[in-house]
Amino acid sequence: MVGVARSLDVRLVVSMGSLLADVPHSRSVPVYSAANDDELIEQLDLSHSHYEGPTGIVGVLHTAFRAAGISSASLWATVPTYVASAPSPKATLALVDRVSTLLDVRVEATDLAEQAASYEARIDELVADDAETAAYVSQLERDFDDQRREELTAGQSSQELIAESSATSGPALSRVGNDEPGATPAHPSGAWRGHGGCAPPCGRGAAPHGRRGAAP
């Protein structure tokens, strides 16, 4: 693949995949992104990969591209553990949205958006039929919402600090509170059952357990 990339003068390789996680199907799909190239991380607002451990073909490919001087990034969408075997158009749509933003291209995804809505409706019906699963999903939703509220509060606090610092110290402090571009918070539960390659949080407090089977 490195040879093909060189022959086509490829400047950026983006791999996409999914991993199983304790996330609810009824909420937005977290997409974790990482890269090893400092310039690319800053340019595309990604995060560093610090994962050390067992790897798969994705990790091998990214290492090979880096050695060849070709920039690469990795995107991973989360899929609920309780619907691991079902293809998830919702996760696929999240990946399409993310990569289109990274590459600054417009992708028509109306059909995929409709499939994602149908997917969520079907899972809603299945969950409603099982009291134990319904209780589990409700807890995941509460955890997810709590985490988002914490992130929003933290973001507001950072913006207030930036405004206060800028007002008192001038433009030189405009970057206060933004020392980690592209940082993606770990899932509230911290439990990852992902692919054995580069873990999407990539060292940000969660590591994969090598479980496979999530279908984007």
Protein backbone atom coordinates (compact mmCIF):
# COMPACT_ATOMS: atom_id res chain seq x y z
CA MET A 1 0.00 0.00 0.00
CA VAL A 2 2.89 2.35 0.64
CA GLY A 3 4.07 1.76 -2.92
CA VAL A 4 0.62 2.53 -4.31
CA ALA A 5 0.40 5.68 -2.20
CA ARG A 6 3.78 6.86 -3.51
CA SER A 7 2.89 6.13 -7.11
CA LEU A 8 -0.26 8.24 -6.77
CA ASP A 9 1.55 11.03 -4.91
CA VAL A 10 -0.72 10.58 -1.90
CA ARG A 11 -0.11 13.21 0.77
CA LEU A 12 -2.59 12.03 3.42
CA VAL A 13 -3.97 8.59 4.28
CA VAL A 14 -7.07 8.39 6.49
CA SER A 15 -8.19 5.07 7.91
CA MET A 16 -11.67 4.61 9.34
CA GLY A 17 -13.17 1.96 11.56
CA SER A 18 -15.41 1.27 14.51
CA LEU A 19 -15.09 -0.08 18.01
CA LEU A 20 -17.47 -1.44 20.60
CA ALA A 21 -18.08 0.83 23.57
CA ASP A 22 -20.52 1.46 26.40
CA VAL A 23 -22.42 4.15 24.50
CA PRO A 24 -26.15 4.54 23.83
CA HIS A 25 -27.47 4.19 20.29
CA SER A 26 -29.83 7.11 20.88
CA ARG A 27 -27.15 9.77 21.19
CA SER A 28 -24.64 11.30 18.79
CA VAL A 29 -21.80 8.99 17.80
CA PRO A 30 -18.43 9.92 19.33
CA VAL A 31 -15.68 9.73 16.71
CA TYR A 32 -12.13 9.51 18.00
CA SER A 33 -9.27 10.69 15.83
CA ALA A 34 -5.52 10.48 16.15
CA ALA A 35 -2.30 10.96 14.22
CA ASN A 36 1.44 10.85 14.80
CA ASP A 37 2.44 13.80 12.65
CA ASP A 38 2.72 17.02 14.69
CA GLU A 39 1.98 19.27 11.73
CA LEU A 40 -1.04 17.22 10.73
CA ILE A 41 -2.34 17.17 14.29
CA GLU A 42 -2.24 20.95 14.46
CA GLN A 43 -3.58 21.46 10.95
CA LEU A 44 -6.54 19.08 11.27
CA ASP A 45 -7.18 19.56 14.99
CA LEU A 46 -6.48 15.93 15.91
CA SER A 47 -4.84 14.37 18.96
CA HIS A 48 -1.56 12.53 19.49
CA SER A 49 -1.43 8.75 19.50
CA HIS A 50 0.31 7.50 22.63
CA TYR A 51 -1.06 3.97 22.56
CA GLU A 52 1.41 1.22 23.42
CA GLY A 53 0.33 -2.39 23.24
CA PRO A 54 -1.02 -5.03 20.86
CA THR A 55 -1.79 -3.69 17.41
CA GLY A 56 -3.47 -4.81 14.23
CA ILE A 57 -3.17 -4.06 10.54
CA VAL A 58 -4.25 -0.44 11.02
CA GLY A 59 -1.38 0.22 13.40
CA VAL A 60 1.06 -1.53 11.09
CA LEU A 61 -0.08 0.52 8.09
CA HIS A 62 0.16 3.82 9.92
CA THR A 63 3.67 2.96 11.10
CA ALA A 64 4.66 2.10 7.52
CA PHE A 65 3.21 5.33 6.13
CA ARG A 66 4.98 7.36 8.77
CA ALA A 67 8.30 5.67 7.97
CA ALA A 68 7.72 6.49 4.31
CA GLY A 69 7.09 10.13 5.11
CA ILE A 70 3.38 10.00 4.28
CA SER A 71 1.01 11.64 6.74
CA SER A 72 -1.82 9.50 8.09
CA ALA A 73 -4.73 9.82 10.48
CA SER A 74 -7.09 7.36 12.10
CA LEU A 75 -10.82 7.83 12.73
CA TRP A 76 -12.92 5.49 14.89
CA ALA A 77 -16.67 5.61 15.51
CA THR A 78 -18.16 4.02 18.60
CA VAL A 79 -20.82 1.31 18.30
CA PRO A 80 -22.98 0.15 21.25
CA THR A 81 -21.96 -3.19 22.69
CA TYR A 82 -25.56 -4.40 22.79
CA VAL A 83 -25.95 -4.16 19.00
CA ALA A 84 -22.43 -5.22 18.06
CA SER A 85 -23.36 -7.53 15.20
CA ALA A 86 -25.66 -5.12 13.36
CA PRO A 87 -24.21 -2.80 10.71
CA SER A 88 -24.51 0.77 11.97
CA PRO A 89 -25.28 3.38 9.30
CA LYS A 90 -25.31 5.90 12.14
CA ALA A 91 -21.63 5.20 12.88
CA THR A 92 -20.86 5.27 9.16
CA LEU A 93 -22.55 8.65 8.83
CA ALA A 94 -20.51 10.01 11.75
CA LEU A 95 -17.31 8.88 10.04
CA VAL A 96 -18.38 10.42 6.73
CA ASP A 97 -19.15 13.72 8.46
CA ARG A 98 -15.81 13.70 10.26
CA VAL A 99 -13.66 12.83 7.24
CA SER A 100 -15.48 15.36 5.05
CA THR A 101 -14.62 18.01 7.63
CA LEU A 102 -10.99 16.90 7.78
CA LEU A 103 -10.60 16.93 4.02
CA ASP A 104 -12.77 20.01 3.51
CA VAL A 105 -15.00 18.30 0.94
CA ARG A 106 -18.76 18.13 0.62
CA VAL A 107 -20.27 14.65 0.74
CA GLU A 108 -23.92 14.05 -0.10
CA ALA A 109 -25.17 11.67 2.59
CA THR A 110 -28.95 12.08 2.53
CA ASP A 111 -29.59 8.36 1.95
CA LEU A 112 -27.17 7.44 4.71
CA ALA A 113 -28.86 9.88 7.09
CA GLU A 114 -32.21 8.22 6.37
CA GLN A 115 -30.70 4.79 7.01
CA ALA A 116 -29.24 6.05 10.28
CA ALA A 117 -32.66 7.29 11.41
CA SER A 118 -34.24 3.93 10.52
CA TYR A 119 -31.45 2.11 12.36
CA GLU A 120 -32.06 4.12 15.53
CA ALA A 121 -35.83 3.53 15.32
CA ARG A 122 -35.33 -0.24 14.94
CA ILE A 123 -32.99 -0.38 17.91
CA ASP A 124 -35.48 1.68 19.95
CA GLU A 125 -38.10 -1.01 19.30
CA LEU A 126 -35.78 -3.87 20.22
CA VAL A 127 -34.64 -2.17 23.41
CA ALA A 128 -38.22 -1.40 24.46
CA ASP A 129 -39.05 -5.11 24.27
CA ASP A 130 -36.48 -6.09 26.89
CA ALA A 131 -36.72 -4.50 30.35
CA GLU A 132 -33.14 -5.32 31.35
CA THR A 133 -31.67 -3.87 28.17
CA ALA A 134 -33.93 -0.83 28.43
CA ALA A 135 -32.65 -0.13 31.94
CA TYR A 136 -29.06 -0.54 30.76
CA VAL A 137 -29.55 1.86 27.85
CA SER A 138 -31.23 4.40 30.12
CA GLN A 139 -28.17 4.34 32.38
CA LEU A 140 -25.88 4.80 29.38
CA GLU A 141 -27.95 7.78 28.27
CA ARG A 142 -27.72 9.38 31.71
CA ASP A 143 -23.95 8.82 31.80
CA PHE A 144 -23.57 10.24 28.29
CA ASP A 145 -25.67 13.31 29.06
CA ASP A 146 -23.86 13.93 32.35
CA GLN A 147 -20.52 13.78 30.57
CA ARG A 148 -21.65 16.21 27.90
CA ARG A 149 -22.88 18.65 30.53
CA GLU A 150 -19.52 18.45 32.31
CA GLU A 151 -17.72 19.10 29.03
CA LEU A 152 -19.99 22.06 28.27
CA THR A 153 -19.42 23.52 31.73
CA ALA A 154 -15.67 23.04 31.39
CA GLY A 155 -15.73 24.67 27.96
CA GLN A 156 -17.66 27.66 29.27
CA SER A 157 -15.20 28.02 32.14
CA SER A 158 -12.29 27.98 29.69
CA GLN A 159 -13.91 30.64 27.53
CA GLU A 160 -14.51 32.81 30.59
CA LEU A 161 -10.84 32.41 31.53
CA ILE A 162 -9.78 33.35 28.00
CA ALA A 163 -11.98 36.44 28.04
CA GLU A 164 -10.76 37.50 31.47
CA SER A 165 -7.10 36.94 30.56
CA SER A 166 -7.46 38.76 27.26
CA ALA A 167 -9.11 41.72 28.94
CA THR A 168 -6.37 42.03 31.57
CA SER A 169 -3.28 40.94 29.67
CA GLY A 170 -3.99 41.65 26.01
CA PRO A 171 -3.94 39.40 22.92
CA ALA A 172 -0.79 37.53 23.99
CA LEU A 173 -2.88 35.27 26.25
CA SER A 174 -5.54 34.45 23.70
CA ARG A 175 -4.57 30.77 23.66
CA VAL A 176 -5.06 30.19 27.38
CA GLY A 177 -7.22 27.14 27.99
CA ASN A 178 -6.61 25.68 24.55
CA ASP A 179 -3.39 23.77 25.05
CA GLU A 180 -4.76 20.49 23.67
CA PRO A 181 -6.16 21.02 20.18
CA GLY A 182 -8.38 18.18 19.09
CA ALA A 183 -8.55 16.58 22.52
CA THR A 184 -11.39 14.09 22.62
CA PRO A 185 -12.66 13.11 26.06
CA ALA A 186 -12.73 9.45 26.99
CA HIS A 187 -16.15 7.90 27.27
CA PRO A 188 -17.79 8.38 30.70
CA SER A 189 -17.47 4.71 31.58
CA GLY A 190 -13.85 4.48 30.47
CA ALA A 191 -14.59 0.94 29.25
CA TRP A 192 -13.40 0.22 25.73
CA ARG A 193 -13.86 -2.98 23.82
CA GLY A 194 -12.21 -1.93 20.62
CA HIS A 195 -10.14 -3.07 17.73
CA GLY A 196 -6.64 -4.24 18.50
CA GLY A 197 -5.08 -1.42 16.47
CA CYS A 198 -4.41 2.15 17.48
CA ALA A 199 -6.97 2.83 20.16
CA PRO A 200 -9.03 5.86 19.13
CA PRO A 201 -8.52 7.66 22.44
CA CYS A 202 -4.85 6.73 21.85
CA GLY A 203 -3.54 7.04 25.32
CA ARG A 204 -6.19 9.41 26.58
CA GLY A 205 -7.20 7.18 29.49
CA ALA A 206 -8.60 4.16 27.69
CA ALA A 207 -7.05 1.19 25.94
CA PRO A 208 -8.56 -1.47 23.68
CA HIS A 209 -9.18 -5.01 24.82
CA GLY A 210 -8.85 -6.42 21.31
CA ARG A 211 -12.48 -7.40 20.89
CA ARG A 212 -13.56 -7.24 17.28
CA GLY A 213 -16.86 -7.32 15.49
CA ALA A 214 -18.23 -3.79 15.41
CA ALA A 215 -19.60 -3.01 11.98
CA PRO A 216 -19.67 0.65 10.94
